[in-house]
Amino acid sequence: MDFDVNMYRMTSIRRDAPWPATLLTARLVLRPVEPADVPAISRTWTDPAVRRYLGGPVAAAEVARREEKCPGAPNVFGVVRSSDATVLGMVEIKPVGDTHSEHNATGHTEVGYTLLPECWGRGYGREAVSAATAWALENISPAPPVVIAVTQEANKESCRLLEAIGMTLVAQFVAWDASQLMYSVDRVALRSDVGSGV
Protein backbone atom coordinates (compact mmCIF):
# COMPACT_ATOMS: atom_id res chain seq x y z
CA MET A 1 0.00 0.00 0.00
CA ASP A 2 1.18 3.52 -0.63
CA PHE A 3 2.45 6.15 1.77
CA ASP A 4 -0.27 8.59 2.74
CA VAL A 5 0.60 11.06 5.47
CA ASN A 6 -3.09 11.75 6.12
CA MET A 7 -3.61 8.18 7.32
CA TYR A 8 -1.52 8.97 10.40
CA ARG A 9 -4.18 11.34 11.71
CA MET A 10 -6.56 8.45 12.39
CA THR A 11 -7.21 7.50 16.00
CA SER A 12 -6.14 3.84 15.93
CA ILE A 13 -2.48 4.87 16.07
CA ARG A 14 -1.73 5.21 19.75
CA ARG A 15 -0.51 8.66 20.63
CA ASP A 16 1.93 7.16 23.14
CA ALA A 17 3.55 4.82 20.61
CA PRO A 18 7.31 5.27 20.82
CA TRP A 19 8.33 7.44 17.88
CA PRO A 20 10.86 8.01 16.55
CA ALA A 21 11.81 4.35 16.74
CA THR A 22 14.83 2.50 15.40
CA LEU A 23 14.68 -1.25 14.81
CA LEU A 24 17.74 -3.43 14.30
CA THR A 25 17.74 -6.80 12.55
CA ALA A 26 20.58 -9.11 11.54
CA ARG A 27 21.33 -7.03 8.42
CA LEU A 28 19.11 -3.96 8.52
CA VAL A 29 18.34 -0.76 10.38
CA LEU A 30 14.76 0.48 10.20
CA ARG A 31 14.58 4.12 11.26
CA PRO A 32 12.57 7.24 10.50
CA VAL A 33 13.03 8.43 6.93
CA GLU A 34 15.72 11.11 6.66
CA PRO A 35 15.96 13.78 3.95
CA ALA A 36 18.97 11.99 2.41
CA ASP A 37 16.79 8.86 1.95
CA VAL A 38 14.27 10.63 -0.28
CA PRO A 39 15.93 9.94 -3.68
CA ALA A 40 15.98 6.18 -3.05
CA ILE A 41 12.48 6.11 -1.59
CA SER A 42 11.21 8.28 -4.43
CA ARG A 43 12.35 5.54 -6.82
CA THR A 44 9.90 3.15 -5.12
CA TRP A 45 7.12 5.46 -6.30
CA THR A 46 8.36 5.79 -9.89
CA ASP A 47 10.10 2.50 -10.77
CA PRO A 48 7.81 0.47 -13.09
CA ALA A 49 8.99 -2.85 -11.60
CA VAL A 50 8.21 -1.73 -8.03
CA ARG A 51 4.89 -0.23 -9.11
CA ARG A 52 3.79 -3.20 -11.24
CA TYR A 53 1.17 -4.33 -8.70
CA LEU A 54 0.56 -0.89 -7.18
CA GLY A 55 -1.19 0.89 -10.00
CA GLY A 56 1.88 1.98 -11.97
CA PRO A 57 4.31 4.84 -11.39
CA VAL A 58 3.01 7.72 -9.29
CA ALA A 59 2.42 11.07 -11.06
CA ALA A 60 5.15 13.70 -10.71
CA ALA A 61 3.03 16.12 -8.64
CA GLU A 62 2.16 13.37 -6.16
CA VAL A 63 5.80 12.25 -5.98
CA ALA A 64 6.80 15.82 -5.11
CA ARG A 65 4.16 15.94 -2.35
CA ARG A 66 5.33 12.61 -0.94
CA GLU A 67 8.98 13.66 -1.09
CA GLU A 68 8.16 16.70 1.00
CA LYS A 69 6.06 14.80 3.56
CA CYS A 70 7.93 11.52 4.09
CA PRO A 71 11.05 12.60 6.05
CA GLY A 72 10.22 12.06 9.71
CA ALA A 73 6.64 10.93 9.05
CA PRO A 74 5.40 8.89 12.01
CA ASN A 75 5.53 5.11 11.63
CA VAL A 76 7.32 5.23 8.26
CA PHE A 77 10.64 3.41 8.43
CA GLY A 78 13.48 3.83 5.99
CA VAL A 79 15.02 0.39 5.41
CA VAL A 80 18.81 0.69 5.47
CA ARG A 81 21.36 -2.08 4.94
CA SER A 82 23.66 -2.10 7.98
CA SER A 83 26.82 -3.12 6.12
CA ASP A 84 26.98 -0.07 3.83
CA ALA A 85 24.13 2.30 4.84
CA THR A 86 22.36 1.83 1.49
CA VAL A 87 18.68 2.77 1.57
CA LEU A 88 16.72 -0.20 0.22
CA GLY A 89 13.17 1.13 0.53
CA MET A 90 10.60 1.71 3.23
CA VAL A 91 8.10 -0.01 5.48
CA GLU A 92 5.11 1.82 6.91
CA ILE A 93 2.63 1.04 9.63
CA LYS A 94 -0.79 2.64 9.37
CA PRO A 95 -4.29 2.28 10.73
CA VAL A 96 -6.86 0.63 8.51
CA GLY A 97 -9.61 3.04 7.57
CA ASP A 98 -12.60 2.59 5.34
CA THR A 99 -10.55 1.17 2.46
CA HIS A 100 -10.94 -2.39 3.76
CA SER A 101 -14.04 -1.93 5.94
CA GLU A 102 -16.12 -4.47 4.04
CA HIS A 103 -13.54 -7.10 5.03
CA ASN A 104 -13.78 -6.46 8.80
CA ALA A 105 -10.32 -4.89 8.83
CA THR A 106 -11.28 -1.41 10.03
CA GLY A 107 -9.60 -0.74 13.35
CA HIS A 108 -6.66 -3.00 12.62
CA THR A 109 -3.15 -1.95 11.75
CA GLU A 110 -1.68 -2.46 8.27
CA VAL A 111 1.91 -2.95 7.19
CA GLY A 112 2.94 -1.76 3.73
CA TYR A 113 6.34 -2.00 2.11
CA THR A 114 8.27 -1.18 -1.04
CA LEU A 115 11.86 -2.16 -1.73
CA LEU A 116 14.04 -1.34 -4.70
CA PRO A 117 14.43 -4.11 -7.30
CA GLU A 118 18.18 -4.42 -6.88
CA CYS A 119 17.66 -5.80 -3.36
CA TRP A 120 14.85 -8.26 -4.17
CA GLY A 121 15.36 -11.97 -3.61
CA ARG A 122 17.79 -11.61 -0.69
CA GLY A 123 15.39 -11.83 2.26
CA TYR A 124 15.58 -8.10 3.09
CA GLY A 125 11.84 -7.69 2.64
CA ARG A 126 11.01 -10.53 5.02
CA GLU A 127 13.48 -9.20 7.56
CA ALA A 128 12.17 -5.62 7.39
CA VAL A 129 8.45 -6.46 7.30
CA SER A 130 8.78 -8.94 10.17
CA ALA A 131 10.61 -6.38 12.34
CA ALA A 132 8.14 -3.58 11.60
CA THR A 133 5.18 -5.90 12.16
CA ALA A 134 6.59 -7.03 15.52
CA TRP A 135 7.01 -3.37 16.50
CA ALA A 136 3.43 -2.60 15.44
CA LEU A 137 2.01 -5.55 17.35
CA GLU A 138 3.83 -4.39 20.48
CA ASN A 139 3.30 -0.64 20.20
CA ILE A 140 0.41 0.28 17.92
CA SER A 141 -2.12 -2.39 17.09
CA PRO A 142 -5.36 -2.08 19.07
CA ALA A 143 -6.80 -5.08 20.87
CA PRO A 144 -6.83 -7.73 19.69
CA PRO A 145 -3.36 -7.06 18.36
CA VAL A 146 -3.44 -8.03 14.70
CA VAL A 147 -1.54 -6.62 11.73
CA ILE A 148 -2.83 -7.04 8.19
CA ALA A 149 -1.27 -6.65 4.77
CA VAL A 150 -2.96 -6.45 1.38
CA THR A 151 -1.32 -7.42 -1.89
CA GLN A 152 -2.46 -8.22 -5.40
CA GLU A 153 -3.03 -11.92 -5.90
CA ALA A 154 -0.78 -11.72 -8.98
CA ASN A 155 2.13 -10.51 -6.82
CA LYS A 156 3.36 -13.99 -5.89
CA GLU A 157 6.62 -12.69 -4.38
CA SER A 158 4.72 -10.49 -1.94
CA CYS A 159 2.38 -13.36 -1.06
CA ARG A 160 5.39 -15.59 -0.31
CA LEU A 161 6.97 -12.85 1.82
CA LEU A 162 3.82 -12.45 3.92
CA GLU A 163 3.40 -16.20 4.35
CA ALA A 164 7.09 -16.55 5.30
CA ILE A 165 6.65 -14.20 8.27
CA GLY A 166 3.62 -16.13 9.52
CA MET A 167 0.73 -14.24 7.95
CA THR A 168 -2.30 -16.20 6.85
CA LEU A 169 -4.82 -15.42 4.13
CA VAL A 170 -8.04 -14.03 5.63
CA ALA A 171 -9.87 -12.43 2.67
CA GLN A 172 -9.90 -12.13 -1.10
CA PHE A 173 -11.62 -9.27 -2.91
CA VAL A 174 -11.46 -7.14 -6.03
CA ALA A 175 -10.23 -3.57 -5.69
CA TRP A 176 -8.29 -1.25 -7.98
CA ASP A 177 -9.42 -3.48 -10.89
CA ALA A 178 -7.50 -6.51 -9.60
CA SER A 179 -7.89 -9.46 -7.25
CA GLN A 180 -6.46 -8.56 -3.82
CA LEU A 181 -5.47 -10.82 -0.94
CA MET A 182 -5.63 -9.74 2.68
CA TYR A 183 -3.27 -11.44 5.12
CA SER A 184 -3.25 -11.23 8.91
CA VAL A 185 -0.88 -12.10 11.75
CA ASP A 186 -0.89 -11.86 15.52
CA ARG A 187 1.98 -12.00 18.03
CA VAL A 188 1.82 -15.78 18.37
CA ALA A 189 2.04 -16.53 14.64
CA LEU A 190 4.63 -13.88 13.67
CA ARG A 191 7.95 -15.42 12.70
CA SER A 192 10.93 -13.42 13.85
CA ASP A 193 13.49 -15.89 12.49
CA VAL A 194 13.29 -14.65 8.92
CA GLY A 195 16.66 -12.98 8.54
CA SER A 196 19.50 -13.74 6.17
CA GLY A 197 19.07 -16.83 4.03
CA VAL A 198 15.51 -17.65 5.00
C-alpha atoms as a PDB file:
ATOM      1  CA  MET A   1       0.000   0.000   0.000  1.00  0.00           C
ATOM      2  CA  ASP A   2       1.179   3.515  -0.632  1.00  0.00           C
ATOM      3  CA  PHE A   3       2.449   6.150   1.769  1.00  0.00           C
ATOM      4  CA  ASP A   4      -0.272   8.586   2.741  1.00  0.00           C
ATOM      5  CA  VAL A   5       0.601  11.065   5.471  1.00  0.00           C
ATOM      6  CA  ASN A   6      -3.091  11.752   6.122  1.00  0.00           C
ATOM      7  CA  MET A   7      -3.605   8.177   7.318  1.00  0.00           C
ATOM      8  CA  TYR A   8      -1.521   8.971  10.404  1.00  0.00           C
ATOM      9  CA  ARG A   9      -4.184  11.337  11.714  1.00  0.00           C
ATOM     10  CA  MET A  10      -6.559   8.451  12.387  1.00  0.00           C
ATOM     11  CA  THR A  11      -7.209   7.501  15.997  1.00  0.00           C
ATOM     12  CA  SER A  12      -6.143   3.842  15.931  1.00  0.00           C
ATOM     13  CA  ILE A  13      -2.477   4.871  16.066  1.00  0.00           C
ATOM     14  CA  ARG A  14      -1.732   5.208  19.749  1.00  0.00           C
ATOM     15  CA  ARG A  15      -0.514   8.661  20.628  1.00  0.00           C
ATOM     16  CA  ASP A  16       1.925   7.163  23.136  1.00  0.00           C
ATOM     17  CA  ALA A  17       3.551   4.819  20.614  1.00  0.00           C
ATOM     18  CA  PRO A  18       7.314   5.274  20.817  1.00  0.00           C
ATOM     19  CA  TRP A  19       8.326   7.436  17.880  1.00  0.00           C
ATOM     20  CA  PRO A  20      10.859   8.006  16.551  1.00  0.00           C
ATOM     21  CA  ALA A  21      11.806   4.346  16.740  1.00  0.00           C
ATOM     22  CA  THR A  22      14.828   2.501  15.399  1.00  0.00           C
ATOM     23  CA  LEU A  23      14.684  -1.252  14.813  1.00  0.00           C
ATOM     24  CA  LEU A  24      17.735  -3.435  14.299  1.00  0.00           C
ATOM     25  CA  THR A  25      17.744  -6.798  12.546  1.00  0.00           C
ATOM     26  CA  ALA A  26      20.583  -9.106  11.536  1.00  0.00           C
ATOM     27  CA  ARG A  27      21.331  -7.029   8.419  1.00  0.00           C
ATOM     28  CA  LEU A  28      19.111  -3.961   8.525  1.00  0.00           C
ATOM     29  CA  VAL A  29      18.343  -0.764  10.382  1.00  0.00           C
ATOM     30  CA  LEU A  30      14.758   0.477  10.201  1.00  0.00           C
ATOM     31  CA  ARG A  31      14.583   4.118  11.255  1.00  0.00           C
ATOM     32  CA  PRO A  32      12.573   7.243  10.496  1.00  0.00           C
ATOM     33  CA  VAL A  33      13.032   8.427   6.929  1.00  0.00           C
ATOM     34  CA  GLU A  34      15.716  11.108   6.663  1.00  0.00           C
ATOM     35  CA  PRO A  35      15.956  13.783   3.953  1.00  0.00           C
ATOM     36  CA  ALA A  36      18.967  11.994   2.410  1.00  0.00           C
ATOM     37  CA  ASP A  37      16.785   8.863   1.952  1.00  0.00           C
ATOM     38  CA  VAL A  38      14.266  10.625  -0.275  1.00  0.00           C
ATOM     39  CA  PRO A  39      15.933   9.945  -3.676  1.00  0.00           C
ATOM     40  CA  ALA A  40      15.977   6.184  -3.049  1.00  0.00           C
ATOM     41  CA  ILE A  41      12.480   6.112  -1.588  1.00  0.00           C
ATOM     42  CA  SER A  42      11.213   8.276  -4.429  1.00  0.00           C
ATOM     43  CA  ARG A  43      12.352   5.542  -6.822  1.00  0.00           C
ATOM     44  CA  THR A  44       9.902   3.150  -5.122  1.00  0.00           C
ATOM     45  CA  TRP A  45       7.116   5.462  -6.300  1.00  0.00           C
ATOM     46  CA  THR A  46       8.360   5.786  -9.888  1.00  0.00           C
ATOM     47  CA  ASP A  47      10.097   2.504 -10.773  1.00  0.00           C
ATOM     48  CA  PRO A  48       7.812   0.469 -13.085  1.00  0.00           C
ATOM     49  CA  ALA A  49       8.986  -2.853 -11.595  1.00  0.00           C
ATOM     50  CA  VAL A  50       8.208  -1.732  -8.029  1.00  0.00           C
ATOM     51  CA  ARG A  51       4.888  -0.233  -9.106  1.00  0.00           C
ATOM     52  CA  ARG A  52       3.792  -3.201 -11.243  1.00  0.00           C
ATOM     53  CA  TYR A  53       1.175  -4.331  -8.704  1.00  0.00           C
ATOM     54  CA  LEU A  54       0.564  -0.895  -7.179  1.00  0.00           C
ATOM     55  CA  GLY A  55      -1.190   0.893 -10.001  1.00  0.00           C
ATOM     56  CA  GLY A  56       1.875   1.977 -11.966  1.00  0.00           C
ATOM     57  CA  PRO A  57       4.306   4.844 -11.388  1.00  0.00           C
ATOM     58  CA  VAL A  58       3.014   7.720  -9.294  1.00  0.00           C
ATOM     59  CA  ALA A  59       2.417  11.067 -11.063  1.00  0.00           C
ATOM     60  CA  ALA A  60       5.145  13.702 -10.705  1.00  0.00           C
ATOM     61  CA  ALA A  61       3.031  16.122  -8.644  1.00  0.00           C
ATOM     62  CA  GLU A  62       2.159  13.369  -6.159  1.00  0.00           C
ATOM     63  CA  VAL A  63       5.801  12.247  -5.984  1.00  0.00           C
ATOM     64  CA  ALA A  64       6.798  15.822  -5.113  1.00  0.00           C
ATOM     65  CA  ARG A  65       4.163  15.939  -2.354  1.00  0.00           C
ATOM     66  CA  ARG A  66       5.334  12.610  -0.939  1.00  0.00           C
ATOM     67  CA  GLU A  67       8.983  13.659  -1.092  1.00  0.00           C
ATOM     68  CA  GLU A  68       8.158  16.701   1.005  1.00  0.00           C
ATOM     69  CA  LYS A  69       6.062  14.799   3.562  1.00  0.00           C
ATOM     70  CA  CYS A  70       7.929  11.525   4.086  1.00  0.00           C
ATOM     71  CA  PRO A  71      11.050  12.601   6.054  1.00  0.00           C
ATOM     72  CA  GLY A  72      10.225  12.063   9.706  1.00  0.00           C
ATOM     73  CA  ALA A  73       6.641  10.935   9.055  1.00  0.00           C
ATOM     74  CA  PRO A  74       5.404   8.888  12.014  1.00  0.00           C
ATOM     75  CA  ASN A  75       5.532   5.113  11.631  1.00  0.00           C
ATOM     76  CA  VAL A  76       7.317   5.227   8.258  1.00  0.00           C
ATOM     77  CA  PHE A  77      10.637   3.405   8.426  1.00  0.00           C
ATOM     78  CA  GLY A  78      13.484   3.831   5.990  1.00  0.00           C
ATOM     79  CA  VAL A  79      15.021   0.394   5.409  1.00  0.00           C
ATOM     80  CA  VAL A  80      18.808   0.687   5.468  1.00  0.00           C
ATOM     81  CA  ARG A  81      21.365  -2.077   4.937  1.00  0.00           C
ATOM     82  CA  SER A  82      23.661  -2.098   7.979  1.00  0.00           C
ATOM     83  CA  SER A  83      26.818  -3.116   6.117  1.00  0.00           C
ATOM     84  CA  ASP A  84      26.983  -0.071   3.828  1.00  0.00           C
ATOM     85  CA  ALA A  85      24.128   2.300   4.842  1.00  0.00           C
ATOM     86  CA  THR A  86      22.361   1.833   1.489  1.00  0.00           C
ATOM     87  CA  VAL A  87      18.678   2.772   1.572  1.00  0.00           C
ATOM     88  CA  LEU A  88      16.718  -0.200   0.223  1.00  0.00           C
ATOM     89  CA  GLY A  89      13.173   1.128   0.532  1.00  0.00           C
ATOM     90  CA  MET A  90      10.601   1.707   3.233  1.00  0.00           C
ATOM     91  CA  VAL A  91       8.097  -0.010   5.485  1.00  0.00           C
ATOM     92  CA  GLU A  92       5.113   1.819   6.910  1.00  0.00           C
ATOM     93  CA  ILE A  93       2.632   1.038   9.630  1.00  0.00           C
ATOM     94  CA  LYS A  94      -0.787   2.637   9.373  1.00  0.00           C
ATOM     95  CA  PRO A  95      -4.292   2.279  10.730  1.00  0.00           C
ATOM     96  CA  VAL A  96      -6.861   0.631   8.506  1.00  0.00           C
ATOM     97  CA  GLY A  97      -9.613   3.044   7.567  1.00  0.00           C
ATOM     98  CA  ASP A  98     -12.601   2.586   5.337  1.00  0.00           C
ATOM     99  CA  THR A  99     -10.553   1.169   2.456  1.00  0.00           C
ATOM    100  CA  HIS A 100     -10.938  -2.387   3.761  1.00  0.00           C
ATOM    101  CA  SER A 101     -14.044  -1.930   5.943  1.00  0.00           C
ATOM    102  CA  GLU A 102     -16.116  -4.465   4.040  1.00  0.00           C
ATOM    103  CA  HIS A 103     -13.540  -7.101   5.027  1.00  0.00           C
ATOM    104  CA  ASN A 104     -13.775  -6.456   8.796  1.00  0.00           C
ATOM    105  CA  ALA A 105     -10.319  -4.894   8.835  1.00  0.00           C
ATOM    106  CA  THR A 106     -11.284  -1.408  10.029  1.00  0.00           C
ATOM    107  CA  GLY A 107      -9.603  -0.743  13.348  1.00  0.00           C
ATOM    108  CA  HIS A 108      -6.660  -3.005  12.616  1.00  0.00           C
ATOM    109  CA  THR A 109      -3.150  -1.947  11.750  1.00  0.00           C
ATOM    110  CA  GLU A 110      -1.684  -2.465   8.268  1.00  0.00           C
ATOM    111  CA  VAL A 111       1.907  -2.947   7.187  1.00  0.00           C
ATOM    112  CA  GLY A 112       2.940  -1.765   3.727  1.00  0.00           C
ATOM    113  CA  TYR A 113       6.342  -2.000   2.111  1.00  0.00           C
ATOM    114  CA  THR A 114       8.266  -1.182  -1.038  1.00  0.00           C
ATOM    115  CA  LEU A 115      11.855  -2.161  -1.730  1.00  0.00           C
ATOM    116  CA  LEU A 116      14.038  -1.338  -4.698  1.00  0.00           C
ATOM    117  CA  PRO A 117      14.431  -4.105  -7.303  1.00  0.00           C
ATOM    118  CA  GLU A 118      18.185  -4.422  -6.878  1.00  0.00           C
ATOM    119  CA  CYS A 119      17.659  -5.800  -3.363  1.00  0.00           C
ATOM    120  CA  TRP A 120      14.846  -8.257  -4.170  1.00  0.00           C
ATOM    121  CA  GLY A 121      15.362 -11.969  -3.612  1.00  0.00           C
ATOM    122  CA  ARG A 122      17.786 -11.613  -0.688  1.00  0.00           C
ATOM    123  CA  GLY A 123      15.392 -11.828   2.259  1.00  0.00           C
ATOM    124  CA  TYR A 124      15.576  -8.104   3.090  1.00  0.00           C
ATOM    125  CA  GLY A 125      11.839  -7.688   2.640  1.00  0.00           C
ATOM    126  CA  ARG A 126      11.007 -10.531   5.021  1.00  0.00           C
ATOM    127  CA  GLU A 127      13.476  -9.196   7.560  1.00  0.00           C
ATOM    128  CA  ALA A 128      12.167  -5.617   7.395  1.00  0.00           C
ATOM    129  CA  VAL A 129       8.446  -6.456   7.301  1.00  0.00           C
ATOM    130  CA  SER A 130       8.785  -8.938  10.166  1.00  0.00           C
ATOM    131  CA  ALA A 131      10.610  -6.381  12.342  1.00  0.00           C
ATOM    132  CA  ALA A 132       8.141  -3.581  11.598  1.00  0.00           C
ATOM    133  CA  THR A 133       5.176  -5.902  12.156  1.00  0.00           C
ATOM    134  CA  ALA A 134       6.588  -7.028  15.518  1.00  0.00           C
ATOM    135  CA  TRP A 135       7.006  -3.375  16.498  1.00  0.00           C
ATOM    136  CA  ALA A 136       3.430  -2.602  15.436  1.00  0.00           C
ATOM    137  CA  LEU A 137       2.013  -5.548  17.354  1.00  0.00           C
ATOM    138  CA  GLU A 138       3.828  -4.390  20.481  1.00  0.00           C
ATOM    139  CA  ASN A 139       3.302  -0.637  20.199  1.00  0.00           C
ATOM    140  CA  ILE A 140       0.410   0.285  17.924  1.00  0.00           C
ATOM    141  CA  SER A 141      -2.117  -2.387  17.091  1.00  0.00           C
ATOM    142  CA  PRO A 142      -5.358  -2.078  19.070  1.00  0.00           C
ATOM    143  CA  ALA A 143      -6.802  -5.081  20.873  1.00  0.00           C
ATOM    144  CA  PRO A 144      -6.834  -7.735  19.693  1.00  0.00           C
ATOM    145  CA  PRO A 145      -3.357  -7.061  18.358  1.00  0.00           C
ATOM    146  CA  VAL A 146      -3.435  -8.028  14.697  1.00  0.00           C
ATOM    147  CA  VAL A 147      -1.538  -6.615  11.733  1.00  0.00           C
ATOM    148  CA  ILE A 148      -2.833  -7.038   8.189  1.00  0.00           C
ATOM    149  CA  ALA A 149      -1.269  -6.653   4.768  1.00  0.00           C
ATOM    150  CA  VAL A 150      -2.957  -6.445   1.375  1.00  0.00           C
ATOM    151  CA  THR A 151      -1.320  -7.424  -1.889  1.00  0.00           C
ATOM    152  CA  GLN A 152      -2.460  -8.223  -5.403  1.00  0.00           C
ATOM    153  CA  GLU A 153      -3.035 -11.919  -5.905  1.00  0.00           C
ATOM    154  CA  ALA A 154      -0.781 -11.715  -8.979  1.00  0.00           C
ATOM    155  CA  ASN A 155       2.133 -10.507  -6.823  1.00  0.00           C
ATOM    156  CA  LYS A 156       3.364 -13.989  -5.894  1.00  0.00           C
ATOM    157  CA  GLU A 157       6.622 -12.685  -4.382  1.00  0.00           C
ATOM    158  CA  SER A 158       4.718 -10.489  -1.939  1.00  0.00           C
ATOM    159  CA  CYS A 159       2.381 -13.363  -1.056  1.00  0.00           C
ATOM    160  CA  ARG A 160       5.393 -15.589  -0.308  1.00  0.00           C
ATOM    161  CA  LEU A 161       6.973 -12.850   1.817  1.00  0.00           C
ATOM    162  CA  LEU A 162       3.816 -12.449   3.922  1.00  0.00           C
ATOM    163  CA  GLU A 163       3.400 -16.196   4.354  1.00  0.00           C
ATOM    164  CA  ALA A 164       7.086 -16.548   5.303  1.00  0.00           C
ATOM    165  CA  ILE A 165       6.650 -14.197   8.267  1.00  0.00           C
ATOM    166  CA  GLY A 166       3.619 -16.131   9.521  1.00  0.00           C
ATOM    167  CA  MET A 167       0.731 -14.241   7.950  1.00  0.00           C
ATOM    168  CA  THR A 168      -2.301 -16.204   6.850  1.00  0.00           C
ATOM    169  CA  LEU A 169      -4.818 -15.425   4.130  1.00  0.00           C
ATOM    170  CA  VAL A 170      -8.037 -14.028   5.630  1.00  0.00           C
ATOM    171  CA  ALA A 171      -9.869 -12.427   2.674  1.00  0.00           C
ATOM    172  CA  GLN A 172      -9.903 -12.130  -1.096  1.00  0.00           C
ATOM    173  CA  PHE A 173     -11.622  -9.275  -2.907  1.00  0.00           C
ATOM    174  CA  VAL A 174     -11.464  -7.140  -6.025  1.00  0.00           C
ATOM    175  CA  ALA A 175     -10.233  -3.570  -5.691  1.00  0.00           C
ATOM    176  CA  TRP A 176      -8.295  -1.254  -7.975  1.00  0.00           C
ATOM    177  CA  ASP A 177      -9.416  -3.482 -10.895  1.00  0.00           C
ATOM    178  CA  ALA A 178      -7.496  -6.514  -9.604  1.00  0.00           C
ATOM    179  CA  SER A 179      -7.892  -9.455  -7.254  1.00  0.00           C
ATOM    180  CA  GLN A 180      -6.462  -8.561  -3.822  1.00  0.00           C
ATOM    181  CA  LEU A 181      -5.474 -10.819  -0.940  1.00  0.00           C
ATOM    182  CA  MET A 182      -5.627  -9.738   2.684  1.00  0.00           C
ATOM    183  CA  TYR A 183      -3.270 -11.439   5.119  1.00  0.00           C
ATOM    184  CA  SER A 184      -3.251 -11.234   8.905  1.00  0.00           C
ATOM    185  CA  VAL A 185      -0.882 -12.097  11.747  1.00  0.00           C
ATOM    186  CA  ASP A 186      -0.886 -11.856  15.520  1.00  0.00           C
ATOM    187  CA  ARG A 187       1.977 -12.003  18.035  1.00  0.00           C
ATOM    188  CA  VAL A 188       1.825 -15.781  18.371  1.00  0.00           C
ATOM    189  CA  ALA A 189       2.040 -16.528  14.643  1.00  0.00           C
ATOM    190  CA  LEU A 190       4.627 -13.876  13.670  1.00  0.00           C
ATOM    191  CA  ARG A 191       7.946 -15.415  12.697  1.00  0.00           C
ATOM    192  CA  SER A 192      10.933 -13.418  13.845  1.00  0.00           C
ATOM    193  CA  ASP A 193      13.492 -15.895  12.494  1.00  0.00           C
ATOM    194  CA  VAL A 194      13.291 -14.646   8.917  1.00  0.00           C
ATOM    195  CA  GLY A 195      16.664 -12.976   8.539  1.00  0.00           C
ATOM    196  CA  SER A 196      19.497 -13.740   6.166  1.00  0.00           C
ATOM    197  CA  GLY A 197      19.070 -16.830   4.031  1.00  0.00           C
ATOM    198  CA  VAL A 198      15.509 -17.650   5.003  1.00  0.00           C
END
